C-alpha cells in the first residue's frame, strides 16, 4: 500500500490504525530478535553451518519475528514462498476478527547473499528497525484462514509443542 493511502486508512479506520500501530510498535524488538538469529549463524569459510548446511536463516528470522508478535498477543504465522521467484519465509501478523493482516519481513538481502537453498552470511550486519518491512495483506485474497487451518500451524502452537516436548 502506498504511504499516503496507509495514512488515510490509519486516520479513517481506528481498527486498522490500532492494529497497524501495535505491529509497528514492535519493530525494535523484532530487529533485536532477528539480530540474535543472525549473530548465532556460524558459517565456515566455505559457507557451511552445522545446523543450516549451505542454507540461509530466513525461516529462523521469520520465527523470531512471529515469536515477538505472539509474545505481545498478536496472532502470527510464518509463510513459505514455496520457491516462487526465490525461496523465502516471512511472518504474517493477523487479526481474524477485523480480517486484517500484515506481512512482516526483513529482506534476505539485508543479511545473506545467494538464492534458492544456498546462502552465504553477509559479514558484520547490524539489523535495525529500518530493516523491518510491514506491508498490508488482503486477508481474504491471501487466504489467511486457509493458511492458519490447513497449511501452516500458528507459531504459538509450534512453540507450545516444543516447550511441551522439552519438559518431558
C-alpha atoms as a PDB file:
ATOM      1  CA  UNK A   1       0.000   0.000   0.000  1.00  0.00           C
ATOM      2  CA  UNK A   2       1.263   3.456  -0.830  1.00  0.00           C
ATOM      3  CA  UNK A   3       2.225   5.532   2.228  1.00  0.00           C
ATOM      4  CA  UNK A   4      -0.401   8.237   1.625  1.00  0.00           C
ATOM      5  CA  UNK A   5      -3.114   5.568   1.322  1.00  0.00           C
ATOM      6  CA  UNK A   6      -1.990   3.899   4.573  1.00  0.00           C
ATOM      7  CA  UNK A   7      -2.020   7.306   6.310  1.00  0.00           C
ATOM      8  CA  UNK A   8      -5.599   7.867   5.122  1.00  0.00           C
ATOM      9  CA  UNK A   9      -6.635   4.415   6.358  1.00  0.00           C
ATOM     10  CA  UNK A  10      -4.990   4.926   9.749  1.00  0.00           C
ATOM     11  CA  UNK A  11      -6.779   8.255  10.144  1.00  0.00           C
ATOM     12  CA  UNK A  12     -10.171   6.952   8.987  1.00  0.00           C
ATOM     13  CA  UNK A  13     -10.278   3.415  10.397  1.00  0.00           C
ATOM     14  CA  UNK A  14      -9.497   3.000  14.096  1.00  0.00           C
ATOM     15  CA  UNK A  15      -9.309  -0.797  13.858  1.00  0.00           C
ATOM     16  CA  UNK A  16      -6.761  -0.667  11.029  1.00  0.00           C
ATOM     17  CA  UNK A  17      -4.788   2.106  12.705  1.00  0.00           C
ATOM     18  CA  UNK A  18      -4.724   0.369  16.086  1.00  0.00           C
ATOM     19  CA  UNK A  19      -3.591  -2.964  14.650  1.00  0.00           C
ATOM     20  CA  UNK A  20      -1.001  -1.357  12.368  1.00  0.00           C
ATOM     21  CA  UNK A  21       0.342   0.732  15.258  1.00  0.00           C
ATOM     22  CA  UNK A  22       0.528  -2.302  17.541  1.00  0.00           C
ATOM     23  CA  UNK A  23       2.539  -4.245  14.959  1.00  0.00           C
ATOM     24  CA  UNK A  24       4.858  -1.359  14.037  1.00  0.00           C
ATOM     25  CA  UNK A  25       5.492  -0.520  17.688  1.00  0.00           C
ATOM     26  CA  UNK A  26       7.386  -3.809  17.959  1.00  0.00           C
ATOM     27  CA  UNK A  27       9.908  -3.087  15.184  1.00  0.00           C
ATOM     28  CA  UNK A  28      12.783  -2.519  17.613  1.00  0.00           C
ATOM     29  CA  UNK A  29      12.099  -5.769  19.459  1.00  0.00           C
ATOM     30  CA  UNK A  30      11.679  -7.702  16.197  1.00  0.00           C
ATOM     31  CA  UNK A  31      15.001  -6.321  14.927  1.00  0.00           C
ATOM     32  CA  UNK A  32      16.742  -7.399  18.146  1.00  0.00           C
ATOM     33  CA  UNK A  33      15.302 -10.902  17.824  1.00  0.00           C
ATOM     34  CA  UNK A  34      16.435 -11.118  14.189  1.00  0.00           C
ATOM     35  CA  UNK A  35      19.904  -9.839  15.124  1.00  0.00           C
ATOM     36  CA  UNK A  36      20.222 -12.627  17.682  1.00  0.00           C
ATOM     37  CA  UNK A  37      19.453 -15.230  14.979  1.00  0.00           C
ATOM     38  CA  UNK A  38      22.000 -13.606  12.658  1.00  0.00           C
ATOM     39  CA  UNK A  39      24.670 -13.439  15.380  1.00  0.00           C
ATOM     40  CA  UNK A  40      24.244 -17.154  16.154  1.00  0.00           C
ATOM     41  CA  UNK A  41      24.626 -18.139  12.478  1.00  0.00           C
ATOM     42  CA  UNK A  42      28.082 -19.677  12.189  1.00  0.00           C
ATOM     43  CA  UNK A  43      29.234 -20.437   8.649  1.00  0.00           C
ATOM     44  CA  UNK A  44      32.742 -21.674   7.898  1.00  0.00           C
ATOM     45  CA  UNK A  45      34.903 -20.253   5.088  1.00  0.00           C
ATOM     46  CA  UNK A  46      33.027 -22.430   2.574  1.00  0.00           C
ATOM     47  CA  UNK A  47      29.617 -21.168   3.679  1.00  0.00           C
ATOM     48  CA  UNK A  48      28.589 -24.276   5.617  1.00  0.00           C
ATOM     49  CA  UNK A  49      26.883 -24.125   9.016  1.00  0.00           C
ATOM     50  CA  UNK A  50      26.470 -27.212  11.231  1.00  0.00           C
ATOM     51  CA  UNK A  51      22.729 -26.570  11.601  1.00  0.00           C
ATOM     52  CA  UNK A  52      21.759 -24.943   8.273  1.00  0.00           C
ATOM     53  CA  UNK A  53      24.255 -26.546   5.907  1.00  0.00           C
ATOM     54  CA  UNK A  54      24.581 -24.161   2.954  1.00  0.00           C
ATOM     55  CA  UNK A  55      21.104 -22.774   3.571  1.00  0.00           C
ATOM     56  CA  UNK A  56      20.084 -19.394   4.901  1.00  0.00           C
ATOM     57  CA  UNK A  57      18.342 -18.220   8.045  1.00  0.00           C
ATOM     58  CA  UNK A  58      15.150 -16.550   6.803  1.00  0.00           C
ATOM     59  CA  UNK A  59      12.972 -19.253   8.399  1.00  0.00           C
ATOM     60  CA  UNK A  60      14.519 -18.627  11.821  1.00  0.00           C
ATOM     61  CA  UNK A  61      14.312 -14.868  11.413  1.00  0.00           C
ATOM     62  CA  UNK A  62      10.632 -15.248  10.484  1.00  0.00           C
ATOM     63  CA  UNK A  63      10.106 -17.476  13.544  1.00  0.00           C
ATOM     64  CA  UNK A  64      11.827 -14.894  15.760  1.00  0.00           C
ATOM     65  CA  UNK A  65       9.646 -12.087  14.385  1.00  0.00           C
ATOM     66  CA  UNK A  66       6.499 -14.205  14.807  1.00  0.00           C
ATOM     67  CA  UNK A  67       7.608 -15.015  18.356  1.00  0.00           C
ATOM     68  CA  UNK A  68       7.844 -11.317  19.253  1.00  0.00           C
ATOM     69  CA  UNK A  69       4.379 -10.704  17.818  1.00  0.00           C
ATOM     70  CA  UNK A  70       2.905 -13.664  19.710  1.00  0.00           C
ATOM     71  CA  UNK A  71       4.595 -12.554  22.938  1.00  0.00           C
ATOM     72  CA  UNK A  72       2.611  -9.315  22.550  1.00  0.00           C
ATOM     73  CA  UNK A  73      -0.711 -11.071  21.934  1.00  0.00           C
ATOM     74  CA  UNK A  74      -0.680 -10.612  18.168  1.00  0.00           C
ATOM     75  CA  UNK A  75      -1.556 -13.685  16.104  1.00  0.00           C
ATOM     76  CA  UNK A  76       1.293 -14.621  13.784  1.00  0.00           C
ATOM     77  CA  UNK A  77       2.246 -17.370  11.373  1.00  0.00           C
ATOM     78  CA  UNK A  78       5.188 -17.893   9.087  1.00  0.00           C
ATOM     79  CA  UNK A  79       4.649 -18.289   5.364  1.00  0.00           C
ATOM     80  CA  UNK A  80       6.891 -20.031   2.863  1.00  0.00           C
ATOM     81  CA  UNK A  81       7.127 -18.762  -0.717  1.00  0.00           C
ATOM     82  CA  UNK A  82       7.453 -22.394  -1.831  1.00  0.00           C
ATOM     83  CA  UNK A  83      10.186 -21.385  -4.249  1.00  0.00           C
ATOM     84  CA  UNK A  84       8.125 -18.853  -6.211  1.00  0.00           C
ATOM     85  CA  UNK A  85      10.748 -16.469  -7.607  1.00  0.00           C
ATOM     86  CA  UNK A  86      13.106 -17.446  -4.769  1.00  0.00           C
ATOM     87  CA  UNK A  87      12.890 -19.495  -1.593  1.00  0.00           C
ATOM     88  CA  UNK A  88      11.924 -17.275   1.353  1.00  0.00           C
ATOM     89  CA  UNK A  89       9.997 -17.398   4.622  1.00  0.00           C
ATOM     90  CA  UNK A  90       8.429 -14.397   6.380  1.00  0.00           C
ATOM     91  CA  UNK A  91       5.963 -13.666   9.174  1.00  0.00           C
ATOM     92  CA  UNK A  92       2.349 -12.588   8.852  1.00  0.00           C
ATOM     93  CA  UNK A  93       0.607 -10.758  11.703  1.00  0.00           C
ATOM     94  CA  UNK A  94      -3.139 -11.202  11.524  1.00  0.00           C
ATOM     95  CA  UNK A  95      -6.367 -10.417  13.332  1.00  0.00           C
ATOM     96  CA  UNK A  96      -9.207 -12.778  12.388  1.00  0.00           C
ATOM     97  CA  UNK A  97     -11.894 -10.550  13.938  1.00  0.00           C
ATOM     98  CA  UNK A  98     -11.077  -7.459  11.883  1.00  0.00           C
ATOM     99  CA  UNK A  99      -9.744  -9.579   8.965  1.00  0.00           C
ATOM    100  CA  UNK A 100      -6.570  -7.505   8.867  1.00  0.00           C
ATOM    101  CA  UNK A 101      -3.142  -8.908   8.091  1.00  0.00           C
ATOM    102  CA  UNK A 102       0.367  -7.591   7.513  1.00  0.00           C
ATOM    103  CA  UNK A 103       3.446  -9.241   6.048  1.00  0.00           C
ATOM    104  CA  UNK A 104       6.318  -8.585   8.448  1.00  0.00           C
ATOM    105  CA  UNK A 105       9.705  -9.272   6.924  1.00  0.00           C
ATOM    106  CA  UNK A 106      13.368  -8.429   6.668  1.00  0.00           C
ATOM    107  CA  UNK A 107      14.530  -8.842   3.070  1.00  0.00           C
ATOM    108  CA  UNK A 108      17.094 -11.638   2.934  1.00  0.00           C
ATOM    109  CA  UNK A 109      19.478  -9.365   1.021  1.00  0.00           C
ATOM    110  CA  UNK A 110      19.996  -7.494   4.302  1.00  0.00           C
ATOM    111  CA  UNK A 111      21.744 -10.436   5.991  1.00  0.00           C
ATOM    112  CA  UNK A 112      22.585 -13.029   3.308  1.00  0.00           C
ATOM    113  CA  UNK A 113      23.684 -13.413  -0.313  1.00  0.00           C
ATOM    114  CA  UNK A 114      22.520 -16.216  -2.589  1.00  0.00           C
ATOM    115  CA  UNK A 115      19.401 -17.813  -3.997  1.00  0.00           C
ATOM    116  CA  UNK A 116      17.276 -20.924  -3.723  1.00  0.00           C
ATOM    117  CA  UNK A 117      18.648 -23.025  -0.892  1.00  0.00           C
ATOM    118  CA  UNK A 118      22.258 -21.776  -0.965  1.00  0.00           C
ATOM    119  CA  UNK A 119      23.057 -18.635   1.018  1.00  0.00           C
ATOM    120  CA  UNK A 120      26.155 -17.010   2.478  1.00  0.00           C
ATOM    121  CA  UNK A 121      26.173 -14.780   5.503  1.00  0.00           C
ATOM    122  CA  UNK A 122      26.800 -11.102   4.817  1.00  0.00           C
ATOM    123  CA  UNK A 123      29.590 -10.064   7.165  1.00  0.00           C
ATOM    124  CA  UNK A 124      29.119  -7.573  10.006  1.00  0.00           C
ATOM    125  CA  UNK A 125      25.396  -6.957   9.563  1.00  0.00           C
ATOM    126  CA  UNK A 126      23.541  -4.842  12.083  1.00  0.00           C
ATOM    127  CA  UNK A 127      19.775  -5.316  11.819  1.00  0.00           C
ATOM    128  CA  UNK A 128      17.659  -2.387  12.973  1.00  0.00           C
ATOM    129  CA  UNK A 129      14.072  -1.104  12.831  1.00  0.00           C
ATOM    130  CA  UNK A 130      14.620   0.293   9.353  1.00  0.00           C
ATOM    131  CA  UNK A 131      15.128  -3.228   8.022  1.00  0.00           C
ATOM    132  CA  UNK A 132      11.680  -4.398   9.161  1.00  0.00           C
ATOM    133  CA  UNK A 133       9.156  -4.131   6.329  1.00  0.00           C
ATOM    134  CA  UNK A 134       5.445  -4.192   7.128  1.00  0.00           C
ATOM    135  CA  UNK A 135       3.046  -4.458   4.200  1.00  0.00           C
ATOM    136  CA  UNK A 136      -0.705  -4.843   4.006  1.00  0.00           C
ATOM    137  CA  UNK A 137      -2.104  -8.207   3.024  1.00  0.00           C
ATOM    138  CA  UNK A 138      -5.635  -8.682   1.753  1.00  0.00           C
ATOM    139  CA  UNK A 139      -6.781 -11.177   4.399  1.00  0.00           C
ATOM    140  CA  UNK A 140      -9.263 -12.985   2.159  1.00  0.00           C
ATOM    141  CA  UNK A 141      -7.316 -12.822  -1.107  1.00  0.00           C
ATOM    142  CA  UNK A 142      -4.215 -14.219   0.632  1.00  0.00           C
ATOM    143  CA  UNK A 143      -6.324 -16.985   2.173  1.00  0.00           C
ATOM    144  CA  UNK A 144      -5.130 -16.318   5.711  1.00  0.00           C
ATOM    145  CA  UNK A 145      -7.786 -18.603   7.220  1.00  0.00           C
ATOM    146  CA  UNK A 146      -6.672 -21.426   4.925  1.00  0.00           C
ATOM    147  CA  UNK A 147      -3.021 -20.824   5.831  1.00  0.00           C
ATOM    148  CA  UNK A 148      -3.867 -20.991   9.511  1.00  0.00           C
ATOM    149  CA  UNK A 149      -6.061 -24.076   9.327  1.00  0.00           C
ATOM    150  CA  UNK A 150      -4.559 -26.217   6.582  1.00  0.00           C
ATOM    151  CA  UNK A 151      -1.052 -25.259   5.592  1.00  0.00           C
ATOM    152  CA  UNK A 152       0.728 -23.515   8.439  1.00  0.00           C
ATOM    153  CA  UNK A 153       0.414 -24.029  12.157  1.00  0.00           C
ATOM    154  CA  UNK A 154       0.261 -20.846  14.185  1.00  0.00           C
ATOM    155  CA  UNK A 155       3.609 -20.245  15.830  1.00  0.00           C
ATOM    156  CA  UNK A 156       2.019 -20.307  19.279  1.00  0.00           C
ATOM    157  CA  UNK A 157       1.069 -23.967  18.650  1.00  0.00           C
ATOM    158  CA  UNK A 158       4.560 -24.841  17.407  1.00  0.00           C
ATOM    159  CA  UNK A 159       6.172 -23.054  20.336  1.00  0.00           C
ATOM    160  CA  UNK A 160       3.833 -24.743  22.833  1.00  0.00           C
ATOM    161  CA  UNK A 161       4.609 -28.162  21.373  1.00  0.00           C
ATOM    162  CA  UNK A 162       8.382 -27.603  21.509  1.00  0.00           C
ATOM    163  CA  UNK A 163       8.114 -26.393  25.107  1.00  0.00           C
ATOM    164  CA  UNK A 164       5.980 -29.426  25.956  1.00  0.00           C
ATOM    165  CA  UNK A 165       8.484 -31.805  24.344  1.00  0.00           C
ATOM    166  CA  UNK A 166      11.299 -30.042  26.171  1.00  0.00           C
ATOM    167  CA  UNK A 167       9.602 -30.620  29.526  1.00  0.00           C
ATOM    168  CA  UNK A 168       9.389 -34.412  29.039  1.00  0.00           C
END
